[in-house]
Protein backbone atom coordinates (compact mmCIF):
# COMPACT_ATOMS: atom_id res chain seq x y z
CA MET A 1 -116.96 51.38 -48.88
CA SER A 2 -118.39 48.43 -47.20
CA GLY A 3 -122.16 48.74 -46.32
CA GLY A 4 -121.23 48.30 -42.88
CA LYS A 5 -119.42 51.45 -42.58
CA MET A 6 -122.14 53.20 -44.68
CA LEU A 7 -124.31 52.24 -42.21
CA ARG A 8 -122.34 53.66 -39.32
CA GLN A 9 -121.93 56.93 -40.96
CA PHE A 10 -125.67 56.91 -41.47
CA HIS A 11 -126.14 56.18 -37.61
CA PHE A 12 -123.66 58.95 -37.00
CA TRP A 13 -125.33 61.44 -39.13
CA VAL A 14 -129.00 60.63 -37.60
CA LEU A 15 -127.60 61.29 -33.99
CA ALA A 16 -125.72 64.73 -34.98
CA ALA A 17 -129.28 65.78 -36.29
CA LEU A 18 -131.37 64.91 -33.44
CA ALA A 19 -128.65 66.20 -31.04
CA SER A 20 -128.72 69.33 -32.06
CA VAL A 21 -132.81 69.66 -32.16
CA LEU A 22 -132.73 68.00 -28.69
CA LEU A 23 -129.94 69.99 -27.33
CA SER A 24 -131.58 73.20 -28.90
CA GLY A 25 -133.77 73.35 -25.62
CA CYS A 26 -137.66 72.97 -24.83
CA GLY A 27 -139.93 73.88 -27.21
CA SER A 28 -139.96 74.36 -31.47
CA ASP A 29 -138.38 77.36 -31.07
CA TYR A 30 -134.77 78.76 -30.58
CA LEU A 31 -135.62 81.64 -27.81
CA VAL A 32 -133.13 83.79 -29.19
CA LEU A 33 -134.61 83.82 -32.33
CA ASN A 34 -137.89 84.02 -31.32
CA PRO A 35 -138.41 88.14 -30.06
CA LYS A 36 -141.72 88.63 -28.21
CA GLY A 37 -141.12 92.66 -27.73
CA PRO A 38 -139.47 95.37 -28.79
CA VAL A 39 -135.79 95.15 -27.24
CA ALA A 40 -135.39 91.30 -28.65
CA GLU A 41 -136.77 92.59 -32.10
CA THR A 42 -134.14 94.90 -32.58
CA GLN A 43 -131.40 92.35 -31.09
CA TYR A 44 -133.23 89.81 -33.76
CA ASN A 45 -132.71 92.30 -36.60
CA LEU A 46 -129.05 92.89 -35.59
CA ILE A 47 -128.28 88.84 -35.63
CA ILE A 48 -129.68 88.85 -39.03
CA ILE A 49 -127.90 91.77 -40.61
CA SER A 50 -124.83 89.99 -38.90
CA VAL A 51 -125.50 87.07 -40.53
CA ILE A 52 -126.39 88.43 -44.18
CA LEU A 53 -122.81 90.20 -44.46
CA CYS A 54 -120.77 87.40 -42.75
CA ALA A 55 -122.44 85.17 -45.31
CA ILE A 56 -121.20 87.70 -47.87
CA ILE A 57 -117.43 86.07 -46.91
CA ILE A 58 -118.06 83.13 -45.80
CA VAL A 59 -120.37 81.35 -48.95
CA PRO A 60 -117.45 83.15 -51.50
CA VAL A 61 -114.56 81.43 -49.36
CA LEU A 62 -116.35 78.17 -49.28
CA ALA A 63 -117.05 77.91 -52.75
CA LEU A 64 -113.75 79.25 -53.96
CA THR A 65 -111.95 76.63 -51.62
CA ALA A 66 -113.78 74.01 -53.20
CA PHE A 67 -112.93 75.67 -56.69
CA ILE A 68 -109.56 75.40 -56.07
CA VAL A 69 -109.12 72.24 -54.31
CA TYR A 70 -110.81 70.50 -57.64
CA ARG A 71 -109.42 72.88 -60.48
CA TYR A 72 -105.48 72.66 -59.20
CA ARG A 73 -105.82 68.83 -58.22
CA ASP A 74 -102.70 66.88 -58.94
CA THR A 75 -103.78 64.59 -61.28
CA PRO A 76 -102.14 63.86 -64.70
CA GLU A 77 -105.17 64.89 -66.94
CA ASN A 78 -105.30 68.13 -65.24
CA LYS A 79 -104.70 70.92 -67.30
CA ALA A 80 -105.01 73.75 -65.30
CA PRO A 81 -102.07 76.60 -65.59
CA TYR A 82 -99.13 75.95 -63.11
CA LYS A 83 -97.13 79.35 -62.22
CA PRO A 84 -94.79 78.80 -59.61
CA THR A 85 -93.48 82.18 -59.23
CA TRP A 86 -96.87 84.00 -58.73
CA ALA A 87 -96.52 86.38 -56.11
CA HIS A 88 -98.76 89.13 -56.43
CA ASN A 89 -102.82 90.67 -58.39
CA THR A 90 -103.78 94.37 -57.29
CA THR A 91 -107.19 93.43 -58.34
CA LEU A 92 -107.68 90.43 -56.00
CA GLU A 93 -105.32 92.41 -53.25
CA VAL A 94 -108.14 95.10 -53.54
CA ILE A 95 -110.83 92.38 -53.47
CA TRP A 96 -109.80 90.76 -50.15
CA TRP A 97 -109.02 93.60 -48.33
CA GLY A 98 -111.84 95.94 -49.94
CA ILE A 99 -115.19 93.78 -49.03
CA PRO A 100 -113.97 93.08 -45.47
CA ILE A 101 -113.31 96.57 -44.88
CA VAL A 102 -116.62 97.27 -46.10
CA ILE A 103 -118.50 95.06 -44.10
CA ILE A 104 -116.93 95.69 -40.68
CA ALA A 105 -117.91 99.38 -40.97
CA ILE A 106 -121.57 98.69 -42.26
CA LEU A 107 -121.68 95.62 -39.04
CA GLY A 108 -120.05 98.52 -36.70
CA TYR A 109 -122.63 101.19 -37.55
CA PHE A 110 -125.48 98.98 -37.10
CA THR A 111 -123.78 97.62 -33.74
CA VAL A 112 -123.24 101.21 -32.06
CA ARG A 113 -126.29 102.64 -33.45
CA ASP A 114 -128.26 99.41 -31.50
CA THR A 115 -126.12 99.26 -28.85
CA TYR A 116 -127.37 103.13 -27.93
CA ALA A 117 -130.78 102.60 -28.78
CA LEU A 118 -131.21 99.66 -26.24
CA LYS A 119 -129.77 101.60 -23.45
CA GLU A 120 -133.06 103.80 -23.60
CA ASN A 121 -136.99 103.20 -22.58
CA PRO A 122 -137.95 101.37 -26.39
CA ASN A 123 -141.60 102.42 -25.99
CA LYS A 124 -141.28 106.37 -25.42
CA GLU A 125 -145.16 107.39 -25.33
CA VAL A 126 -145.24 105.01 -22.43
CA LYS A 127 -143.95 105.64 -18.66
CA PRO A 128 -142.09 102.87 -17.66
CA MET A 129 -142.47 100.67 -14.81
CA THR A 130 -139.32 99.96 -12.46
CA ILE A 131 -138.40 96.54 -11.33
CA GLN A 132 -135.27 95.43 -8.75
CA VAL A 133 -133.61 92.22 -9.83
CA THR A 134 -131.53 90.73 -7.12
CA ALA A 135 -129.45 87.80 -7.84
CA LEU A 136 -129.18 85.24 -4.55
CA ASP A 137 -127.67 81.70 -4.10
CA TRP A 138 -129.31 80.36 -5.89
CA LYS A 139 -132.83 82.14 -6.70
CA TRP A 140 -133.92 85.50 -8.30
CA MET A 141 -135.25 88.20 -5.90
CA PHE A 142 -137.82 90.84 -7.53
CA THR A 143 -138.91 93.63 -5.67
CA TYR A 144 -141.50 96.57 -7.17
CA PRO A 145 -140.60 99.95 -5.15
CA ASP A 146 -144.25 101.19 -7.21
CA GLN A 147 -146.50 98.31 -5.69
CA ASN A 148 -144.70 97.59 -3.05
CA ILE A 149 -144.25 94.02 -3.24
CA ALA A 150 -141.72 91.13 -3.74
CA THR A 151 -141.76 88.06 -5.65
CA VAL A 152 -138.78 85.10 -5.70
CA ASN A 153 -138.80 82.98 -9.04
CA TYR A 154 -141.37 84.64 -10.69
CA LEU A 155 -141.73 88.05 -12.34
CA GLU A 156 -145.40 88.94 -13.81
CA ILE A 157 -145.30 92.26 -15.73
CA PRO A 158 -147.74 94.00 -17.46
CA ALA A 159 -147.80 93.58 -21.26
CA GLY A 160 -147.00 96.63 -23.53
CA VAL A 161 -145.34 98.29 -20.80
CA PRO A 162 -141.61 99.24 -20.78
CA ILE A 163 -139.74 97.85 -17.86
CA HIS A 164 -137.21 99.42 -16.22
CA PHE A 165 -134.64 96.66 -14.80
CA GLN A 166 -132.42 97.60 -11.83
CA VAL A 167 -130.31 94.68 -11.10
CA SER A 168 -127.62 93.61 -8.61
CA ALA A 169 -126.55 90.66 -6.40
CA GLU A 170 -126.02 89.63 -3.12
CA ALA A 171 -124.06 86.62 -4.36
CA PRO A 172 -121.17 85.50 -6.49
CA MET A 173 -121.61 87.80 -10.09
CA ASN A 174 -124.63 86.39 -12.00
CA SER A 175 -126.54 87.44 -15.49
CA PHE A 176 -130.22 88.05 -15.64
CA TRP A 177 -131.43 86.90 -18.85
CA VAL A 178 -135.27 86.72 -20.65
CA PRO A 179 -134.16 85.72 -24.20
CA GLU A 180 -137.85 86.21 -25.59
CA LEU A 181 -137.98 89.66 -24.78
CA GLY A 182 -134.13 91.05 -24.76
CA GLY A 183 -130.36 90.51 -23.78
CA GLN A 184 -128.82 89.35 -20.63
CA ILE A 185 -127.37 91.83 -18.05
CA TYR A 186 -125.19 90.83 -15.63
CA ALA A 187 -125.81 91.16 -11.67
CA MET A 188 -123.18 92.34 -9.46
CA SER A 189 -122.74 93.06 -6.20
CA GLY A 190 -121.80 96.67 -5.15
CA MET A 191 -123.21 97.64 -8.58
CA ALA A 192 -127.25 98.19 -10.11
CA THR A 193 -127.03 98.00 -13.78
CA GLU A 194 -129.82 98.87 -16.27
CA LEU A 195 -131.93 97.11 -18.58
CA TYR A 196 -135.24 97.87 -20.52
CA LEU A 197 -137.60 94.94 -21.15
CA GLN A 198 -141.05 95.09 -22.96
CA ALA A 199 -143.28 92.34 -24.00
CA ASP A 200 -145.53 93.12 -26.69
CA GLN A 201 -148.16 90.66 -26.18
CA PRO A 202 -149.61 88.64 -23.09
CA GLY A 203 -148.12 85.77 -22.64
CA GLU A 204 -145.29 83.02 -20.63
CA PHE A 205 -141.37 83.85 -20.95
CA ALA A 206 -138.55 81.45 -19.54
CA GLY A 207 -135.87 83.25 -17.45
CA PHE A 208 -132.44 82.02 -16.91
CA SER A 209 -129.43 82.89 -14.90
CA ALA A 210 -126.71 82.93 -17.82
CA ASN A 211 -123.63 82.67 -15.62
CA PHE A 212 -122.07 80.02 -13.68
CA SER A 213 -122.52 80.94 -10.09
CA GLY A 214 -122.21 77.84 -8.32
CA GLU A 215 -123.66 74.22 -7.40
CA GLY A 216 -127.09 75.42 -7.78
CA PHE A 217 -127.04 77.64 -10.92
CA ALA A 218 -128.51 74.79 -13.48
CA HIS A 219 -131.62 75.72 -11.28
CA MET A 220 -131.46 79.63 -11.13
CA GLN A 221 -134.54 79.89 -13.45
CA PHE A 222 -137.70 81.74 -13.21
CA LYS A 223 -140.78 82.55 -15.19
CA VAL A 224 -142.09 85.40 -16.67
CA VAL A 225 -145.94 86.09 -17.41
CA ALA A 226 -147.06 89.57 -19.20
CA LYS A 227 -150.72 90.01 -18.52
CA PRO A 228 -152.75 92.83 -19.64
CA GLN A 229 -152.59 96.26 -17.32
CA ASN A 230 -156.21 95.50 -15.86
CA GLU A 231 -154.84 91.84 -15.05
CA PHE A 232 -151.64 92.87 -13.53
CA ASP A 233 -153.36 95.50 -11.30
CA GLN A 234 -155.80 93.00 -9.82
CA TRP A 235 -152.52 90.36 -9.56
CA VAL A 236 -150.77 93.04 -7.62
CA GLN A 237 -154.09 93.50 -5.10
CA GLN A 238 -154.38 89.62 -4.81
CA VAL A 239 -150.56 89.38 -3.61
CA LYS A 240 -150.96 92.37 -0.88
CA GLY A 241 -154.21 90.90 0.46
CA THR A 242 -153.18 87.20 0.37
CA THR A 243 -149.79 86.95 1.16
CA PRO A 244 -147.73 87.90 3.96
CA ALA A 245 -144.85 90.79 4.29
CA MET A 246 -141.36 90.37 4.24
CA SER A 247 -139.56 91.09 7.28
CA LYS A 248 -135.32 91.21 7.18
CA ALA A 249 -135.70 87.79 8.88
CA ASP A 250 -137.33 86.93 5.88
CA TYR A 251 -134.77 88.00 3.78
CA GLU A 252 -131.54 86.91 5.49
CA GLU A 253 -133.60 83.31 5.39
CA LEU A 254 -133.57 83.96 1.60
CA LYS A 255 -130.39 84.60 0.91
CA LYS A 256 -128.91 81.59 2.55
CA PRO A 257 -127.46 79.68 -0.06
CA GLY A 258 -129.72 76.94 -1.51
CA VAL A 259 -131.99 76.22 -4.37
CA MET A 260 -135.94 77.36 -4.26
CA GLU A 261 -137.91 75.35 -6.67
CA GLU A 262 -141.33 76.89 -5.80
CA GLU A 263 -142.21 80.41 -6.10
CA LYS A 264 -142.77 82.85 -3.30
CA MET A 265 -144.53 86.33 -3.03
CA PHE A 266 -144.64 89.09 -0.52
CA SER A 267 -147.38 91.75 0.03
CA ALA A 268 -144.60 94.29 1.22
CA PHE A 269 -140.70 94.11 1.64
CA PRO A 270 -138.24 95.95 4.05
CA GLU A 271 -138.13 100.03 2.63
CA GLY A 272 -134.82 100.39 1.01
CA LEU A 273 -133.82 96.78 0.89
CA PHE A 274 -132.66 97.20 -2.76
CA GLU A 275 -130.81 100.10 -1.99
CA GLU A 276 -129.33 98.71 0.95
CA ILE A 277 -128.10 95.22 -1.06
CA VAL A 278 -126.09 97.52 -3.16
CA GLN A 279 -124.93 99.92 -1.19
CA LYS A 280 -123.35 97.27 1.19
CA TYR A 281 -120.92 96.37 -1.20
CA SER A 282 -120.08 99.53 -3.04
CA HIS A 283 -117.84 101.09 -0.77
CA GLY A 284 -118.97 104.37 -0.86
CA HIS A 285 -119.82 104.72 -4.60
CA ASP A 286 -122.52 106.74 -5.56
CA MET A 287 -125.47 104.66 -7.35
CA HIS A 288 -127.92 107.92 -7.45
CA HIS A 289 -128.05 107.83 -11.03
CA VAL A 290 -129.21 104.19 -11.32
CA MET A 291 -132.10 104.67 -8.57
CA ASN A 292 -133.10 107.68 -9.49
CA PRO A 293 -132.91 107.79 -13.46
CA ASP A 294 -135.76 110.27 -13.80
CA GLY A 295 -133.88 113.04 -11.55
CA ASP A 296 -132.30 116.00 -12.65
CA THR A 297 -128.25 114.93 -13.41
CA ALA A 298 -127.03 118.02 -12.70
CA GLU A 299 -128.76 118.40 -9.40
CA GLN A 300 -127.42 114.76 -8.46
CA GLY A 301 -123.72 115.52 -9.59
CA SER A 302 -123.93 118.33 -7.13
CA ASP A 303 -125.46 116.97 -4.05
CA MET A 304 -123.00 115.87 -2.25
CA SER A 305 -125.06 114.93 0.57
CA GLN A 306 -125.28 111.11 -0.88
CA MET A 307 -121.69 110.29 -0.14
CA PRO A 308 -120.26 108.52 3.43
CA GLY A 309 -119.86 111.31 6.03
CA MET A 310 -120.85 114.31 4.18
CA GLU A 311 -123.97 116.07 4.94
CA HIS A 312 -123.97 119.47 3.98
CA SER A 313 -127.31 120.65 5.38
CA LYS A 314 -125.89 121.07 8.31
CA THR A 315 -122.77 123.39 8.49
CA ASP A 316 -122.63 124.47 12.23
CA GLY A 317 -124.69 127.68 11.51
CA MET A 318 -122.42 128.80 8.43
CA ASP A 319 -124.39 131.30 6.24
CA HIS A 320 -122.60 130.65 2.72
CA SER A 321 -124.42 133.16 0.98
CA LYS A 322 -122.88 136.28 3.40
CA THR A 323 -119.52 136.12 3.09
CA ASP A 324 -118.19 139.40 4.22
CA GLY A 325 -118.88 141.40 1.12
CA MET A 326 -116.13 138.98 -0.82
CA ASP A 327 -116.24 139.16 -4.32
CA HIS A 328 -114.43 136.28 -5.31
CA SER A 329 -114.44 136.63 -9.05
CA LYS A 330 -111.89 139.23 -8.33
CA THR A 331 -108.89 138.66 -6.32
CA ASP A 332 -106.22 141.08 -8.13
CA GLY A 333 -103.32 138.95 -7.23
CA MET A 334 -104.51 138.25 -3.49
CA ASP A 335 -101.83 136.97 -1.54
CA HIS A 336 -103.73 134.47 0.60
CA SER A 337 -101.42 133.60 2.83
CA LYS A 338 -101.18 137.24 4.22
CA THR A 339 -105.55 137.63 5.35
CA ASP A 340 -105.30 140.79 7.29
CA GLY A 341 -104.30 138.76 10.02
CA MET A 342 -107.23 136.67 9.80
CA ASP A 343 -106.71 133.65 12.03
CA HIS A 344 -108.22 130.75 10.12
CA SER A 345 -107.34 128.15 12.92
CA LYS A 346 -110.12 130.31 14.70
CA MET A 347 -112.84 130.33 12.10
CA ASN A 348 -116.25 128.84 13.13
CA HIS A 349 -116.83 125.86 10.94
């Protein structure tokens, strides 16, 4: 090999190594592999388990590939046995079918276990705080229903407290992602998806849009700041005392397509704004189980008053507790087409 060709190959590998480092993002850490909370830690462990299980297959296969290429190379001095009629070996069949099946079963177990665990509050001893996330063109709006404040492209949370995110969009489908705290969740109009995250220690974390959504997608980033609870409470009071309240007109201006580099904060926001955004595109589907995750499930399921046009609290005076003594559990062959002359067209509904 000529010296010039060797030099070009050396330059190629040096550039490849530099590109792998430079394109990995800012800073020395790979964000996904730098967990800062229990959710990210669980996902990190699952990644490591997956890599180990895959390596159990990949490493031997690559080693065997190199061995077979060398052992059965076509050279005059090679003394490897030549068996052109060989077709089957039961031991080898058991090995290359059995090992992958066992590995997939193990990987499936850990994946299902962690998937269901991550849907729940990661810290059962601490009550979660709710933050509503709305993806706009091309910015993120965060509303704090308990604190009654709102921010744009800036998210502050108390360290050590689970955050229950309710995520929706009034823009093309997007994806909410804070890699150091956990995996991404899609933001879709007419729906409210849920995600639990928690920062174990105070710090700053990068937040991203993980789904292409148009011209300003690359600028759709936000900063996440975790502070001790007392400092978070002080920040809330500062926002309430030093920033204007968001009006409906402010929101209409905010949701217009455009990139917003600066952060914005509001001391208040219109009541029910997030719910209104979700219901606007929900086509009548009930999002009550997401909006009120701590409510009684059975009660929610039977509460039909949430459905459009269905208000059962007012039924023109009908008293359902009194039905003329009728025992509906015993009908003994009652012919409902004949009810003693009852004219159903004249019932007072």
